[in-house]
């Protein structure tokens, strides 16, 4: 009988995978197993470093391309801090007041006055700041590059007061709070982790990917876990192959070296057949490639992935 898997999210937030054996006509279904979904954290070293920094009253900025796992890492850090008995509030981009109300509710700060009126934005900022000055708590700001400027200025004031912050951002602007925090850039996941993610995504969809398919799909994701799940979904839907849309850099040094070798061989051939033209062309191109290589390596090393 065909096997069918269904993934459902319970009211408690827990995700479970239900496995059924289905009759060919789909009329009968037999439950085989129920399993909890516990996503694997492939960045345990980064999590340990972040937790240790926050516990030492230091703030951090985590930078990485979209889909590299920043949000999941932030949730894992928040979960571990909560297990250690700390208060943690996760702020996501919204209007300034909505974000502040969410933070206040997570910390247990009153959002209404004694008269029952909702606190204004400035009153919420003052109430949260006063609470943080008297209690040990942590703020985790996901998609911090999308936060309004006024909210970033408020975070800058909290940072100046010694409040530990964790900001997760894609292409953060080179200004205000983003310039003041030590940063960690998330590297692409290794090939083994990407393959595990693709295999797990294929199992959820009830398909099997052969090693050759995995190798072909892996070339399109560049170590990005979100893209790894997406390409498996595209394979499941039978969509055509698309060009890679990750931002992992490609090392062009081997191509430069190969070009130098080719032009050197051209010079040798020209010398061997006593052809002045080939000899001169090979020499000129060799010098041109060498100059281009020096100019390329003299460019600033700042990565475009870290900001605009």
Protein backbone atom coordinates (compact mmCIF):
# COMPACT_ATOMS: atom_id res chain seq x y z
CA UNK A 1 0.00 0.00 0.00
CA UNK A 2 1.27 3.53 -0.76
CA UNK A 3 2.69 5.52 2.15
CA UNK A 4 1.38 9.01 2.83
CA UNK A 5 2.78 11.54 5.30
CA UNK A 6 0.98 14.57 6.70
CA UNK A 7 2.61 17.35 8.68
CA UNK A 8 0.39 19.24 11.13
CA UNK A 9 1.01 21.99 13.66
CA UNK A 10 -0.81 21.64 16.98
CA UNK A 11 -2.26 24.51 19.01
CA UNK A 12 0.67 24.21 21.40
CA UNK A 13 3.02 25.04 18.52
CA UNK A 14 4.42 21.49 18.30
CA UNK A 15 4.68 19.99 14.84
CA UNK A 16 3.98 16.33 14.17
CA UNK A 17 4.28 14.04 11.18
CA UNK A 18 1.47 11.49 10.68
CA UNK A 19 2.33 8.46 8.50
CA UNK A 20 -0.48 6.48 6.84
CA UNK A 21 -0.77 3.44 4.61
CA UNK A 22 -3.31 4.34 1.91
CA UNK A 23 -5.21 1.94 -0.32
CA UNK A 24 -4.70 2.35 -4.10
CA UNK A 25 -8.13 3.94 -4.51
CA UNK A 26 -7.59 6.24 -1.53
CA UNK A 27 -10.70 5.00 0.26
CA UNK A 28 -8.92 3.33 3.17
CA UNK A 29 -6.20 4.77 5.37
CA UNK A 30 -4.33 3.07 8.16
CA UNK A 31 -2.28 5.04 10.68
CA UNK A 32 1.28 3.73 10.97
CA UNK A 33 3.08 6.23 13.20
CA UNK A 34 2.97 9.67 14.75
CA UNK A 35 6.26 11.46 15.23
CA UNK A 36 7.23 14.84 16.61
CA UNK A 37 9.16 17.19 14.37
CA UNK A 38 12.32 18.43 16.04
CA UNK A 39 14.38 20.37 13.48
CA UNK A 40 18.10 19.80 13.73
CA UNK A 41 20.24 22.79 14.65
CA UNK A 42 23.23 22.74 12.31
CA UNK A 43 24.93 25.71 13.98
CA UNK A 44 25.57 24.56 17.57
CA UNK A 45 28.93 26.33 17.75
CA UNK A 46 27.40 29.69 16.82
CA UNK A 47 24.60 29.14 19.33
CA UNK A 48 27.07 28.47 22.14
CA UNK A 49 29.06 31.58 21.28
CA UNK A 50 25.96 33.78 21.17
CA UNK A 51 24.54 32.45 24.45
CA UNK A 52 27.90 32.92 26.17
CA UNK A 53 28.19 36.49 24.84
CA UNK A 54 24.69 37.45 25.96
CA UNK A 55 25.23 35.96 29.42
CA UNK A 56 28.39 38.09 29.63
CA UNK A 57 26.24 41.21 29.00
CA UNK A 58 27.53 41.63 25.45
CA UNK A 59 25.43 42.32 22.38
CA UNK A 60 25.84 40.71 18.96
CA UNK A 61 24.77 41.22 15.37
CA UNK A 62 24.29 38.03 13.33
CA UNK A 63 24.48 38.59 9.57
CA UNK A 64 23.67 36.17 6.79
CA UNK A 65 21.87 35.86 3.47
CA UNK A 66 18.13 35.23 3.37
CA UNK A 67 17.23 31.65 4.22
CA UNK A 68 20.55 30.76 5.87
CA UNK A 69 18.87 30.01 9.22
CA UNK A 70 19.19 33.25 11.20
CA UNK A 71 15.63 33.14 12.56
CA UNK A 72 15.93 29.49 13.56
CA UNK A 73 19.24 30.21 15.27
CA UNK A 74 17.68 33.14 17.14
CA UNK A 75 14.80 30.95 18.32
CA UNK A 76 17.27 28.28 19.49
CA UNK A 77 19.24 30.89 21.44
CA UNK A 78 16.04 32.24 23.02
CA UNK A 79 14.91 28.71 23.95
CA UNK A 80 18.20 27.91 25.66
CA UNK A 81 18.18 31.18 27.61
CA UNK A 82 14.63 30.46 28.75
CA UNK A 83 15.68 26.98 29.85
CA UNK A 84 18.38 28.65 31.95
CA UNK A 85 15.68 30.71 33.67
CA UNK A 86 16.10 34.05 31.87
CA UNK A 87 13.38 36.26 30.44
CA UNK A 88 13.58 36.59 26.66
CA UNK A 89 11.56 38.72 24.25
CA UNK A 90 11.67 38.22 20.49
CA UNK A 91 10.90 41.32 18.43
CA UNK A 92 9.79 41.02 14.81
CA UNK A 93 9.28 43.86 12.31
CA UNK A 94 5.89 45.56 12.53
CA UNK A 95 4.78 49.06 13.39
CA UNK A 96 6.76 50.62 16.23
CA UNK A 97 3.87 50.38 18.68
CA UNK A 98 3.00 46.80 17.72
CA UNK A 99 6.61 45.71 18.19
CA UNK A 100 6.86 47.45 21.56
CA UNK A 101 3.56 45.97 22.74
CA UNK A 102 4.73 42.50 21.76
CA UNK A 103 8.02 42.95 23.65
CA UNK A 104 6.20 44.30 26.70
CA UNK A 105 3.76 41.38 26.76
CA UNK A 106 6.57 38.84 26.52
CA UNK A 107 8.41 40.49 29.40
CA UNK A 108 5.30 40.92 31.51
CA UNK A 109 5.30 44.73 31.35
CA UNK A 110 1.94 46.47 31.61
CA UNK A 111 0.80 47.99 28.32
CA UNK A 112 -2.06 50.00 29.79
CA UNK A 113 -2.17 52.84 32.30
CA UNK A 114 -4.09 52.73 35.59
CA UNK A 115 -7.01 54.32 33.80
CA UNK A 116 -7.08 51.44 31.31
CA UNK A 117 -5.73 53.45 28.38
CA UNK A 118 -3.09 51.95 26.12
CA UNK A 119 0.37 53.37 26.66
CA UNK A 120 1.77 55.55 23.92
CA UNK A 121 4.90 54.58 22.01
CA UNK A 122 7.19 56.71 24.16
CA UNK A 123 5.53 55.43 27.33
CA UNK A 124 6.01 51.83 26.20
CA UNK A 125 9.68 52.52 25.48
CA UNK A 126 10.16 54.04 28.93
CA UNK A 127 8.28 51.21 30.67
CA UNK A 128 10.31 48.50 28.91
CA UNK A 129 13.59 50.33 29.53
CA UNK A 130 12.75 50.70 33.24
CA UNK A 131 11.90 47.00 33.47
CA UNK A 132 15.13 45.98 31.76
CA UNK A 133 17.18 48.19 34.07
CA UNK A 134 15.75 46.35 37.10
CA UNK A 135 15.60 42.78 35.72
CA UNK A 136 17.90 40.47 33.78
CA UNK A 137 16.33 39.86 30.39
CA UNK A 138 17.38 39.60 26.76
CA UNK A 139 16.02 41.08 23.54
CA UNK A 140 16.24 39.11 20.29
CA UNK A 141 15.42 41.21 17.21
CA UNK A 142 14.73 39.14 14.11
CA UNK A 143 14.98 40.78 10.68
CA UNK A 144 16.50 43.80 12.40
CA UNK A 145 17.30 45.45 9.06
CA UNK A 146 13.53 45.94 8.60
CA UNK A 147 12.99 47.67 11.94
CA UNK A 148 11.98 51.35 11.73
CA UNK A 149 14.72 53.90 12.37
CA UNK A 150 13.02 55.17 15.55
CA UNK A 151 13.02 51.65 16.97
CA UNK A 152 16.69 51.17 16.08
CA UNK A 153 17.50 54.43 17.86
CA UNK A 154 15.70 53.11 20.94
CA UNK A 155 17.71 49.89 20.74
CA UNK A 156 20.83 52.02 20.48
CA UNK A 157 19.89 53.73 23.75
CA UNK A 158 19.32 50.34 25.42
CA UNK A 159 22.72 49.17 24.18
CA UNK A 160 24.37 52.29 25.59
CA UNK A 161 22.71 51.50 28.94
CA UNK A 162 24.28 48.02 28.93
CA UNK A 163 21.29 45.96 27.82
CA UNK A 164 22.35 42.71 26.02
CA UNK A 165 20.84 42.56 22.52
CA UNK A 166 20.86 39.98 19.74
CA UNK A 167 20.13 41.38 16.29
CA UNK A 168 19.68 39.14 13.25
CA UNK A 169 19.81 40.87 9.90
CA UNK A 170 20.21 40.46 6.15
CA UNK A 171 22.11 43.31 4.45
CA UNK A 172 22.10 45.63 7.51
CA UNK A 173 22.70 49.30 6.67
CA UNK A 174 26.10 50.62 7.74
CA UNK A 175 24.78 53.02 10.35
CA UNK A 176 23.36 53.50 13.88
CA UNK A 177 23.08 50.32 16.00
CA UNK A 178 24.50 48.08 13.28
CA UNK A 179 27.86 49.83 13.42
CA UNK A 180 28.19 49.46 17.18
CA UNK A 181 27.64 45.73 17.65
CA UNK A 182 30.23 42.98 17.17
CA UNK A 183 29.07 40.82 14.28
CA UNK A 184 29.05 37.18 13.33
CA UNK A 185 28.60 36.23 9.68
CA UNK A 186 26.88 32.89 9.16
CA UNK A 187 28.79 30.75 6.69
CA UNK A 188 27.01 28.41 4.24
CA UNK A 189 26.15 25.04 5.72
CA UNK A 190 28.45 22.13 4.79
CA UNK A 191 27.45 19.70 2.06
CA UNK A 192 26.55 16.94 4.53
CA UNK A 193 24.06 19.15 6.37
CA UNK A 194 22.46 20.33 3.11
CA UNK A 195 22.04 16.74 1.95
CA UNK A 196 20.38 15.80 5.25
CA UNK A 197 17.97 18.72 4.90
CA UNK A 198 17.09 17.74 1.33
CA UNK A 199 16.59 14.09 2.27
CA UNK A 200 14.31 15.10 5.17
CA UNK A 201 12.33 17.44 2.90
CA UNK A 202 11.96 14.65 0.32
CA UNK A 203 10.71 12.23 2.99
CA UNK A 204 8.07 14.73 4.08
CA UNK A 205 6.85 14.90 0.48
CA UNK A 206 6.94 11.12 0.13
CA UNK A 207 9.58 11.04 -2.62
CA UNK A 208 13.04 9.51 -2.87
CA UNK A 209 16.01 11.38 -4.28
CA UNK A 210 18.89 9.40 -5.74
CA UNK A 211 22.51 10.47 -5.04
CA UNK A 212 22.83 11.94 -8.53
CA UNK A 213 19.68 14.02 -8.01
CA UNK A 214 20.92 15.23 -4.63
CA UNK A 215 24.25 16.25 -6.14
CA UNK A 216 22.53 18.13 -8.96
CA UNK A 217 20.12 19.94 -6.63
CA UNK A 218 22.87 20.77 -4.16
CA UNK A 219 24.70 22.83 -6.77
CA UNK A 220 21.73 25.20 -6.88
CA UNK A 221 21.51 26.01 -3.17
CA UNK A 222 25.03 27.05 -2.18
CA UNK A 223 24.77 25.89 1.44
CA UNK A 224 21.43 27.67 2.04
CA UNK A 225 18.95 25.50 4.03
CA UNK A 226 15.84 27.35 2.87
CA UNK A 227 16.87 26.96 -0.77
CA UNK A 228 17.61 23.29 -0.09
CA UNK A 229 13.99 22.73 0.94
CA UNK A 230 12.71 24.81 -1.94
CA UNK A 231 14.56 22.94 -4.69
CA UNK A 232 13.22 19.65 -3.33
CA UNK A 233 9.71 21.09 -3.53
CA UNK A 234 10.41 22.19 -7.10
CA UNK A 235 11.65 18.69 -7.94
CA UNK A 236 8.49 17.23 -6.40
CA UNK A 237 6.32 19.57 -8.53
CA UNK A 238 8.32 18.78 -11.67
CA UNK A 239 9.37 22.40 -12.24
CA UNK A 240 12.18 23.24 -14.62
CA UNK A 241 15.68 23.84 -13.32
CA UNK A 242 16.42 27.45 -12.44
CA UNK A 243 19.68 29.31 -12.05
CA UNK A 244 21.17 29.57 -8.56
CA UNK A 245 19.92 32.53 -6.53
CA UNK A 246 22.19 32.22 -3.51
CA UNK A 247 24.93 34.80 -2.85
CA UNK A 248 27.83 32.48 -2.17
CA UNK A 249 31.01 33.76 -3.79
CA UNK A 250 32.81 31.81 -6.52
CA UNK A 251 36.61 31.74 -6.40
CA UNK A 252 37.97 32.84 -9.77
CA UNK A 253 41.63 32.19 -8.95
CA UNK A 254 41.73 28.79 -10.75
CA UNK A 255 40.40 30.44 -13.92
CA UNK A 256 43.09 33.13 -13.79
CA UNK A 257 45.81 30.53 -13.29
CA UNK A 258 44.43 28.46 -16.18
CA UNK A 259 44.45 31.56 -18.41
CA UNK A 260 48.06 32.32 -17.52
CA UNK A 261 49.06 28.73 -18.34
CA UNK A 262 47.28 28.84 -21.71
CA UNK A 263 48.97 32.09 -22.73
CA UNK A 264 52.34 30.78 -21.57
CA UNK A 265 51.85 27.70 -23.75
CA UNK A 266 50.99 29.99 -26.68
CA UNK A 267 54.29 31.81 -26.15
CA UNK A 268 56.20 28.52 -26.08
CA UNK A 269 54.50 27.35 -29.27
CA UNK A 270 55.39 30.63 -30.96
CA UNK A 271 58.98 30.24 -29.82
CA UNK A 272 59.05 26.62 -31.02
CA UNK A 273 57.70 27.32 -34.51
CA UNK A 274 59.68 30.57 -34.72
CA UNK A 275 56.49 32.63 -34.98
CA UNK A 276 57.06 36.16 -33.70
CA UNK A 277 53.33 36.91 -33.85
CA UNK A 278 52.32 34.03 -31.55
CA UNK A 279 55.20 34.82 -29.21
CA UNK A 280 54.20 38.48 -28.89
CA UNK A 281 50.47 37.74 -28.53
CA UNK A 282 51.14 35.17 -25.80
CA UNK A 283 53.44 37.58 -23.97
CA UNK A 284 51.00 40.50 -24.15
CA UNK A 285 48.06 38.42 -22.93
CA UNK A 286 50.13 36.92 -20.11
CA UNK A 287 51.10 40.38 -18.89
CA UNK A 288 47.47 41.58 -19.23
CA UNK A 289 46.13 38.70 -17.13
CA UNK A 290 48.85 39.28 -14.54
CA UNK A 291 47.96 42.97 -14.26
CA UNK A 292 44.25 42.11 -13.99
CA UNK A 293 45.02 39.66 -11.19
CA UNK A 294 46.98 42.30 -9.25
CA UNK A 295 44.16 44.83 -9.68
CA UNK A 296 41.55 42.28 -8.59
CA UNK A 297 43.41 41.34 -5.42
CA UNK A 298 44.02 45.01 -4.55
CA UNK A 299 40.28 45.68 -4.28
CA UNK A 300 38.79 46.10 -0.76
CA UNK A 301 37.97 42.81 0.91
CA UNK A 302 34.65 44.01 2.33
CA UNK A 303 31.90 41.53 1.44
CA UNK A 304 28.83 42.83 -0.26
CA UNK A 305 26.78 40.32 1.70
CA UNK A 306 27.32 42.21 4.96
CA UNK A 307 25.59 45.44 4.09
CA UNK A 308 24.85 48.07 1.54
